[in-house]
Amino acid sequence: MKKQFLKFFSVACVCAAATAPAFAANCSVEVESNDAMQFNTKAISVPASCKDFTVKLKHVGKMPKSAMGHNWVLSKTADMQGVGTDGIAAGADKNYLKPGDTRVIAHTKLIGGGESDSVTFAVSKLKAGEDYTFFCSFPGHSGLMKGALTLAK
């Protein structure tokens, strides 16, 4: 009797685990940007259990990227200012990012109203306890369009 119960219990546990996605980490986020130079979030938490993390940037405004373009750039907080300054010199055709800038952990391309883009990066690039900032590198936008990204346990 005890063996039958254990066998039944083991099968029940395996079946329940196979059908219970509630414990899976969410390894992606959608971020909206608009014509008022805003992201719809100021904070993103990346679960450490994710191998990769995807950010989908959606421009919900109507203005073209030449006038109100946005991108999503991730760097250490200490590197944000330098990445932005060097990005301005790189120009719009380079998404306002210096080519090969190793301070940039991840970024989308520059998009205009109605467009979207996404980027997937390895969570292993993030370190626990480090301060990270996501921002838009379009000239003048990072003052308003920025937020904190943290690696969650």
N, C-alpha and C. Protein backbone atom coordinates (compact mmCIF):
# COMPACT_ATOMS: atom_id res chain seq x y z
N MET A 1 0.82 -1.20 0.00
CA MET A 1 0.00 0.00 0.00
C MET A 1 0.86 1.26 0.00
N LYS A 2 1.89 1.27 0.84
CA LYS A 2 2.77 2.43 0.93
C LYS A 2 3.48 2.68 -0.40
N LYS A 3 3.92 1.60 -1.07
CA LYS A 3 4.61 1.72 -2.36
C LYS A 3 3.67 2.29 -3.42
N GLN A 4 2.40 1.85 -3.40
CA GLN A 4 1.43 2.35 -4.37
C GLN A 4 1.20 3.84 -4.15
N PHE A 5 1.08 4.26 -2.91
CA PHE A 5 0.89 5.67 -2.60
C PHE A 5 2.07 6.50 -3.08
N LEU A 6 3.29 6.05 -2.80
CA LEU A 6 4.48 6.78 -3.24
C LEU A 6 4.55 6.87 -4.75
N LYS A 7 4.20 5.78 -5.44
CA LYS A 7 4.21 5.79 -6.90
C LYS A 7 3.18 6.80 -7.42
N PHE A 8 1.96 6.75 -6.85
CA PHE A 8 0.93 7.69 -7.25
C PHE A 8 1.35 9.14 -6.97
N PHE A 9 1.90 9.37 -5.78
CA PHE A 9 2.34 10.70 -5.39
C PHE A 9 3.43 11.22 -6.33
N SER A 10 4.38 10.38 -6.70
CA SER A 10 5.47 10.76 -7.61
C SER A 10 4.92 11.14 -8.98
N VAL A 11 4.00 10.34 -9.50
CA VAL A 11 3.39 10.63 -10.81
C VAL A 11 2.60 11.93 -10.74
N ALA A 12 1.85 12.13 -9.68
CA ALA A 12 1.06 13.35 -9.51
C ALA A 12 1.96 14.58 -9.46
N CYS A 13 3.06 14.48 -8.77
CA CYS A 13 4.00 15.62 -8.67
C CYS A 13 4.61 15.94 -10.03
N VAL A 14 5.00 14.92 -10.78
CA VAL A 14 5.60 15.13 -12.11
C VAL A 14 4.58 15.78 -13.03
N CYS A 15 3.33 15.30 -13.00
CA CYS A 15 2.29 15.87 -13.85
C CYS A 15 2.00 17.32 -13.47
N ALA A 16 1.93 17.59 -12.21
CA ALA A 16 1.67 18.96 -11.76
C ALA A 16 2.80 19.88 -12.16
N ALA A 17 4.03 19.43 -12.05
CA ALA A 17 5.18 20.27 -12.42
C ALA A 17 5.19 20.56 -13.91
N ALA A 18 4.77 19.58 -14.70
CA ALA A 18 4.78 19.76 -16.15
C ALA A 18 3.70 20.73 -16.62
N THR A 19 2.66 20.92 -15.82
CA THR A 19 1.56 21.80 -16.24
C THR A 19 1.50 23.10 -15.46
N ALA A 20 2.52 23.42 -14.67
CA ALA A 20 2.48 24.61 -13.82
C ALA A 20 3.52 25.64 -14.24
N PRO A 21 3.16 26.50 -15.20
CA PRO A 21 4.10 27.52 -15.64
C PRO A 21 4.19 28.72 -14.71
N ALA A 22 3.42 28.74 -13.63
CA ALA A 22 3.37 29.90 -12.73
C ALA A 22 4.73 30.23 -12.11
N PHE A 23 5.62 29.26 -12.02
CA PHE A 23 6.90 29.50 -11.38
C PHE A 23 8.00 29.88 -12.36
N ALA A 24 7.69 29.93 -13.65
CA ALA A 24 8.69 30.27 -14.66
C ALA A 24 8.99 31.77 -14.59
N ALA A 25 10.25 32.10 -14.75
CA ALA A 25 10.65 33.51 -14.72
C ALA A 25 10.21 34.19 -16.00
N ASN A 26 9.83 35.47 -15.91
CA ASN A 26 9.49 36.24 -17.09
C ASN A 26 10.78 36.87 -17.60
N CYS A 27 11.26 36.39 -18.72
CA CYS A 27 12.56 36.81 -19.25
C CYS A 27 12.43 37.80 -20.38
N SER A 28 11.37 38.63 -20.34
CA SER A 28 11.20 39.68 -21.35
C SER A 28 10.33 40.79 -20.78
N VAL A 29 10.41 41.94 -21.43
CA VAL A 29 9.59 43.08 -21.03
C VAL A 29 9.34 43.93 -22.28
N GLU A 30 8.18 44.57 -22.31
CA GLU A 30 7.89 45.53 -23.38
C GLU A 30 7.93 46.92 -22.79
N VAL A 31 8.67 47.80 -23.44
CA VAL A 31 8.81 49.18 -23.00
C VAL A 31 8.23 50.07 -24.10
N GLU A 32 7.35 50.97 -23.71
CA GLU A 32 6.78 51.91 -24.67
C GLU A 32 7.46 53.26 -24.55
N SER A 33 7.65 53.91 -25.70
CA SER A 33 8.14 55.28 -25.74
C SER A 33 7.11 56.10 -26.50
N ASN A 34 7.15 57.43 -26.32
CA ASN A 34 6.12 58.25 -26.97
C ASN A 34 6.68 59.57 -27.46
N ASP A 35 5.80 60.40 -28.02
CA ASP A 35 6.20 61.70 -28.56
C ASP A 35 6.46 62.75 -27.47
N ALA A 36 6.20 62.41 -26.22
CA ALA A 36 6.45 63.33 -25.09
C ALA A 36 7.77 63.00 -24.39
N MET A 37 8.66 62.28 -25.08
CA MET A 37 9.97 61.90 -24.53
C MET A 37 9.84 61.16 -23.20
N GLN A 38 9.08 60.07 -23.21
CA GLN A 38 8.89 59.29 -22.00
C GLN A 38 8.92 57.80 -22.32
N PHE A 39 9.48 57.03 -21.39
CA PHE A 39 9.29 55.59 -21.36
C PHE A 39 8.12 55.34 -20.42
N ASN A 40 7.41 54.24 -20.59
CA ASN A 40 6.29 53.95 -19.70
C ASN A 40 6.71 53.24 -18.42
N THR A 41 8.02 53.08 -18.22
CA THR A 41 8.51 52.47 -16.99
C THR A 41 9.80 53.16 -16.55
N LYS A 42 10.04 53.16 -15.26
CA LYS A 42 11.27 53.73 -14.70
C LYS A 42 12.16 52.66 -14.10
N ALA A 43 11.68 51.40 -14.11
CA ALA A 43 12.45 50.32 -13.50
C ALA A 43 12.16 49.00 -14.19
N ILE A 44 13.21 48.22 -14.38
CA ILE A 44 13.09 46.87 -14.93
C ILE A 44 13.89 45.94 -14.02
N SER A 45 13.27 44.84 -13.65
CA SER A 45 13.92 43.83 -12.83
C SER A 45 14.14 42.58 -13.68
N VAL A 46 15.38 42.16 -13.80
CA VAL A 46 15.75 41.00 -14.60
C VAL A 46 15.99 39.81 -13.66
N PRO A 47 15.20 38.75 -13.80
CA PRO A 47 15.41 37.58 -12.93
C PRO A 47 16.77 36.92 -13.21
N ALA A 48 17.52 36.66 -12.17
CA ALA A 48 18.82 36.03 -12.33
C ALA A 48 18.70 34.61 -12.89
N SER A 49 17.52 34.02 -12.79
CA SER A 49 17.31 32.67 -13.31
C SER A 49 17.19 32.63 -14.84
N CYS A 50 17.05 33.79 -15.47
CA CYS A 50 16.96 33.84 -16.93
C CYS A 50 18.35 33.70 -17.55
N LYS A 51 18.44 32.96 -18.62
CA LYS A 51 19.70 32.86 -19.37
C LYS A 51 19.86 34.10 -20.25
N ASP A 52 18.78 34.45 -20.93
CA ASP A 52 18.73 35.64 -21.78
C ASP A 52 17.54 36.48 -21.39
N PHE A 53 17.61 37.79 -21.68
CA PHE A 53 16.51 38.70 -21.37
C PHE A 53 16.25 39.53 -22.62
N THR A 54 14.98 39.71 -22.96
CA THR A 54 14.59 40.45 -24.16
C THR A 54 13.82 41.71 -23.79
N VAL A 55 14.20 42.82 -24.40
CA VAL A 55 13.47 44.08 -24.26
C VAL A 55 12.90 44.42 -25.63
N LYS A 56 11.58 44.58 -25.67
CA LYS A 56 10.93 45.03 -26.89
C LYS A 56 10.57 46.50 -26.70
N LEU A 57 11.09 47.35 -27.57
CA LEU A 57 10.79 48.77 -27.51
C LEU A 57 9.74 49.08 -28.57
N LYS A 58 8.68 49.74 -28.13
CA LYS A 58 7.58 50.10 -29.03
C LYS A 58 7.37 51.62 -28.93
N HIS A 59 7.42 52.30 -30.08
CA HIS A 59 7.20 53.75 -30.13
C HIS A 59 5.72 53.97 -30.42
N VAL A 60 4.96 54.39 -29.42
CA VAL A 60 3.52 54.56 -29.57
C VAL A 60 3.13 55.94 -30.08
N GLY A 61 4.13 56.79 -30.35
CA GLY A 61 3.86 58.12 -30.89
C GLY A 61 3.68 58.09 -32.39
N LYS A 62 3.64 59.28 -32.98
CA LYS A 62 3.44 59.41 -34.43
C LYS A 62 4.59 60.11 -35.13
N MET A 63 5.47 60.77 -34.39
CA MET A 63 6.54 61.55 -35.00
C MET A 63 7.63 60.64 -35.58
N PRO A 64 8.26 61.09 -36.67
CA PRO A 64 9.31 60.28 -37.29
C PRO A 64 10.58 60.25 -36.43
N LYS A 65 11.42 59.26 -36.70
CA LYS A 65 12.63 59.13 -35.89
C LYS A 65 13.59 60.29 -36.06
N SER A 66 13.51 61.03 -37.16
CA SER A 66 14.39 62.19 -37.35
C SER A 66 14.05 63.31 -36.37
N ALA A 67 12.79 63.38 -35.94
CA ALA A 67 12.36 64.43 -35.02
C ALA A 67 12.22 63.94 -33.58
N MET A 68 11.72 62.70 -33.41
CA MET A 68 11.44 62.18 -32.07
C MET A 68 11.78 60.69 -32.01
N GLY A 69 12.97 60.36 -32.48
CA GLY A 69 13.41 58.97 -32.46
C GLY A 69 13.80 58.53 -31.06
N HIS A 70 13.59 57.24 -30.80
CA HIS A 70 13.96 56.67 -29.51
C HIS A 70 14.67 55.34 -29.70
N ASN A 71 15.57 55.04 -28.80
CA ASN A 71 16.16 53.72 -28.69
C ASN A 71 16.20 53.35 -27.22
N TRP A 72 16.58 52.12 -26.95
CA TRP A 72 16.71 51.64 -25.57
C TRP A 72 18.14 51.15 -25.43
N VAL A 73 18.90 51.80 -24.54
CA VAL A 73 20.31 51.51 -24.36
C VAL A 73 20.54 51.14 -22.90
N LEU A 74 21.35 50.10 -22.67
CA LEU A 74 21.67 49.68 -21.32
C LEU A 74 23.17 49.77 -21.09
N SER A 75 23.53 50.42 -19.99
CA SER A 75 24.95 50.51 -19.58
C SER A 75 25.00 50.56 -18.06
N LYS A 76 26.20 50.45 -17.52
CA LYS A 76 26.37 50.73 -16.10
C LYS A 76 26.01 52.19 -15.90
N THR A 77 25.44 52.51 -14.76
CA THR A 77 25.04 53.88 -14.47
C THR A 77 26.24 54.83 -14.60
N ALA A 78 27.39 54.41 -14.15
CA ALA A 78 28.59 55.24 -14.21
C ALA A 78 29.03 55.54 -15.65
N ASP A 79 28.63 54.70 -16.60
CA ASP A 79 29.02 54.88 -18.01
C ASP A 79 28.00 55.63 -18.85
N MET A 80 26.82 55.86 -18.32
CA MET A 80 25.73 56.44 -19.09
C MET A 80 26.10 57.77 -19.76
N GLN A 81 26.66 58.69 -19.02
CA GLN A 81 26.98 60.01 -19.57
C GLN A 81 27.97 59.91 -20.72
N GLY A 82 29.01 59.12 -20.57
CA GLY A 82 30.01 58.95 -21.63
C GLY A 82 29.44 58.29 -22.86
N VAL A 83 28.59 57.28 -22.66
CA VAL A 83 27.95 56.60 -23.79
C VAL A 83 27.09 57.60 -24.56
N GLY A 84 26.32 58.41 -23.84
CA GLY A 84 25.47 59.41 -24.47
C GLY A 84 26.26 60.47 -25.22
N THR A 85 27.31 60.97 -24.62
CA THR A 85 28.14 62.00 -25.25
C THR A 85 28.79 61.46 -26.52
N ASP A 86 29.38 60.27 -26.44
CA ASP A 86 30.00 59.67 -27.62
C ASP A 86 28.97 59.31 -28.68
N GLY A 87 27.76 58.99 -28.25
CA GLY A 87 26.70 58.65 -29.19
C GLY A 87 26.24 59.83 -30.01
N ILE A 88 26.20 61.00 -29.42
CA ILE A 88 25.81 62.20 -30.17
C ILE A 88 26.78 62.42 -31.33
N ALA A 89 28.06 62.26 -31.08
CA ALA A 89 29.06 62.43 -32.13
C ALA A 89 28.93 61.36 -33.21
N ALA A 90 28.44 60.17 -32.87
CA ALA A 90 28.28 59.09 -33.85
C ALA A 90 27.17 59.38 -34.85
N GLY A 91 26.13 60.07 -34.41
CA GLY A 91 25.05 60.46 -35.31
C GLY A 91 23.90 59.47 -35.41
N ALA A 92 22.84 59.94 -36.07
CA ALA A 92 21.61 59.16 -36.20
C ALA A 92 21.80 57.89 -36.99
N ASP A 93 22.63 57.92 -38.02
CA ASP A 93 22.82 56.72 -38.84
C ASP A 93 23.47 55.58 -38.06
N LYS A 94 24.07 55.90 -36.92
CA LYS A 94 24.68 54.88 -36.04
C LYS A 94 23.85 54.70 -34.77
N ASN A 95 22.56 55.13 -34.83
CA ASN A 95 21.63 55.02 -33.70
C ASN A 95 22.08 55.83 -32.48
N TYR A 96 22.85 56.87 -32.70
CA TYR A 96 23.41 57.69 -31.63
C TYR A 96 24.18 56.85 -30.62
N LEU A 97 24.96 55.91 -31.16
CA LEU A 97 25.85 55.07 -30.35
C LEU A 97 27.17 54.91 -31.07
N LYS A 98 28.25 55.13 -30.35
CA LYS A 98 29.58 54.94 -30.92
C LYS A 98 29.76 53.46 -31.29
N PRO A 99 30.10 53.18 -32.54
CA PRO A 99 30.28 51.78 -32.94
C PRO A 99 31.32 51.07 -32.07
N GLY A 100 30.97 49.86 -31.65
CA GLY A 100 31.90 49.06 -30.85
C GLY A 100 32.09 49.51 -29.42
N ASP A 101 31.23 50.39 -28.92
CA ASP A 101 31.37 50.91 -27.55
C ASP A 101 31.14 49.77 -26.55
N THR A 102 32.19 49.36 -25.88
CA THR A 102 32.11 48.22 -24.95
C THR A 102 31.36 48.58 -23.66
N ARG A 103 31.09 49.84 -23.44
CA ARG A 103 30.30 50.24 -22.26
C ARG A 103 28.81 49.94 -22.46
N VAL A 104 28.40 49.75 -23.70
CA VAL A 104 27.01 49.45 -24.02
C VAL A 104 26.79 47.95 -23.84
N ILE A 105 25.90 47.59 -22.94
CA ILE A 105 25.60 46.18 -22.68
C ILE A 105 24.61 45.65 -23.70
N ALA A 106 23.62 46.46 -24.05
CA ALA A 106 22.61 46.08 -25.04
C ALA A 106 21.94 47.35 -25.56
N HIS A 107 21.39 47.27 -26.77
CA HIS A 107 20.66 48.41 -27.32
C HIS A 107 19.77 47.99 -28.48
N THR A 108 18.71 48.77 -28.68
CA THR A 108 17.87 48.61 -29.86
C THR A 108 18.34 49.61 -30.90
N LYS A 109 17.76 49.51 -32.08
CA LYS A 109 18.02 50.54 -33.08
C LYS A 109 17.13 51.75 -32.77
N LEU A 110 17.38 52.84 -33.41
CA LEU A 110 16.58 54.06 -33.28
C LEU A 110 15.28 53.86 -34.07
N ILE A 111 14.15 54.13 -33.43
CA ILE A 111 12.86 53.94 -34.09
C ILE A 111 12.01 55.20 -34.00
N GLY A 112 11.07 55.34 -34.93
CA GLY A 112 10.13 56.44 -34.94
C GLY A 112 8.73 55.97 -34.61
N GLY A 113 7.77 56.90 -34.66
CA GLY A 113 6.38 56.60 -34.33
C GLY A 113 5.84 55.39 -35.08
N GLY A 114 5.18 54.51 -34.34
CA GLY A 114 4.58 53.33 -34.92
C GLY A 114 5.54 52.16 -35.15
N GLU A 115 6.81 52.35 -34.87
CA GLU A 115 7.81 51.30 -35.10
C GLU A 115 8.15 50.59 -33.78
N SER A 116 8.79 49.44 -33.92
CA SER A 116 9.27 48.71 -32.74
C SER A 116 10.56 47.98 -33.10
N ASP A 117 11.30 47.63 -32.09
CA ASP A 117 12.53 46.86 -32.24
C ASP A 117 12.75 46.13 -30.92
N SER A 118 13.56 45.10 -30.95
CA SER A 118 13.86 44.38 -29.71
C SER A 118 15.33 44.00 -29.66
N VAL A 119 15.78 43.74 -28.45
CA VAL A 119 17.15 43.30 -28.22
C VAL A 119 17.12 42.21 -27.16
N THR A 120 17.92 41.19 -27.37
CA THR A 120 18.08 40.12 -26.40
C THR A 120 19.54 40.08 -25.97
N PHE A 121 19.77 40.02 -24.68
CA PHE A 121 21.14 39.98 -24.18
C PHE A 121 21.28 38.90 -23.11
N ALA A 122 22.50 38.43 -22.94
CA ALA A 122 22.79 37.41 -21.94
C ALA A 122 22.76 38.02 -20.54
N VAL A 123 22.00 37.41 -19.66
CA VAL A 123 21.89 37.90 -18.28
C VAL A 123 23.25 37.79 -17.58
N SER A 124 24.10 36.91 -18.06
CA SER A 124 25.45 36.76 -17.47
C SER A 124 26.29 38.03 -17.61
N LYS A 125 25.85 38.98 -18.45
CA LYS A 125 26.56 40.26 -18.58
C LYS A 125 26.30 41.18 -17.39
N LEU A 126 25.30 40.84 -16.59
CA LEU A 126 24.94 41.65 -15.42
C LEU A 126 25.56 41.05 -14.17
N LYS A 127 25.93 41.91 -13.23
CA LYS A 127 26.53 41.48 -11.96
C LYS A 127 25.65 41.95 -10.81
N ALA A 128 25.45 41.10 -9.84
CA ALA A 128 24.66 41.45 -8.66
C ALA A 128 25.30 42.63 -7.94
N GLY A 129 24.49 43.58 -7.52
CA GLY A 129 24.97 44.74 -6.78
C GLY A 129 25.47 45.89 -7.65
N GLU A 130 25.55 45.71 -8.95
CA GLU A 130 26.00 46.77 -9.86
C GLU A 130 24.80 47.65 -10.22
N ASP A 131 25.04 48.94 -10.43
CA ASP A 131 23.98 49.88 -10.82
C ASP A 131 23.95 49.99 -12.34
N TYR A 132 22.78 49.71 -12.92
CA TYR A 132 22.59 49.78 -14.37
C TYR A 132 21.48 50.78 -14.68
N THR A 133 21.64 51.48 -15.79
CA THR A 133 20.65 52.44 -16.25
C THR A 133 20.30 52.14 -17.69
N PHE A 134 19.00 52.17 -18.00
CA PHE A 134 18.58 52.14 -19.40
C PHE A 134 18.13 53.54 -19.77
N PHE A 135 18.37 53.92 -21.02
CA PHE A 135 18.08 55.29 -21.44
C PHE A 135 17.95 55.37 -22.95
N CYS A 136 17.47 56.51 -23.43
CA CYS A 136 17.41 56.81 -24.85
C CYS A 136 18.59 57.71 -25.16
N SER A 137 19.38 57.34 -26.18
CA SER A 137 20.57 58.13 -26.49
C SER A 137 20.34 59.20 -27.56
N PHE A 138 19.10 59.38 -28.03
CA PHE A 138 18.79 60.49 -28.93
C PHE A 138 19.18 61.78 -28.21
N PRO A 139 19.85 62.71 -28.88
CA PRO A 139 20.33 63.92 -28.19
C PRO A 139 19.25 64.64 -27.37
N GLY A 140 19.55 64.84 -26.10
CA GLY A 140 18.66 65.56 -25.20
C GLY A 140 17.59 64.71 -24.53
N HIS A 141 17.47 63.45 -24.90
CA HIS A 141 16.40 62.63 -24.35
C HIS A 141 16.73 61.95 -23.03
N SER A 142 17.97 61.66 -22.77
CA SER A 142 18.32 60.84 -21.60
C SER A 142 18.00 61.52 -20.26
N GLY A 143 17.83 62.83 -20.25
CA GLY A 143 17.46 63.51 -19.02
C GLY A 143 16.10 63.06 -18.50
N LEU A 144 15.17 62.76 -19.41
CA LEU A 144 13.83 62.30 -19.05
C LEU A 144 13.64 60.81 -19.27
N MET A 145 14.28 60.30 -20.31
CA MET A 145 14.03 58.92 -20.73
C MET A 145 15.12 58.00 -20.19
N LYS A 146 14.95 57.64 -18.92
CA LYS A 146 15.91 56.74 -18.29
C LYS A 146 15.23 56.02 -17.12
N GLY A 147 15.87 54.93 -16.72
CA GLY A 147 15.35 54.18 -15.61
C GLY A 147 16.42 53.22 -15.10
N ALA A 148 16.11 52.55 -14.01
CA ALA A 148 17.04 51.62 -13.37
C ALA A 148 16.73 50.19 -13.79
N LEU A 149 17.78 49.44 -14.06
CA LEU A 149 17.66 48.01 -14.33
C LEU A 149 18.41 47.28 -13.24
N THR A 150 17.75 46.30 -12.63
CA THR A 150 18.39 45.55 -11.54
C THR A 150 18.35 44.06 -11.84
N LEU A 151 19.33 43.36 -11.33
CA LEU A 151 19.37 41.91 -11.40
C LEU A 151 18.72 41.38 -10.14
N ALA A 152 17.58 40.72 -10.31
CA ALA A 152 16.83 40.19 -9.16
C ALA A 152 17.29 38.78 -8.84
N LYS A 153 17.17 38.39 -7.58
CA LYS A 153 17.56 37.04 -7.16
C LYS A 153 16.54 36.02 -7.58
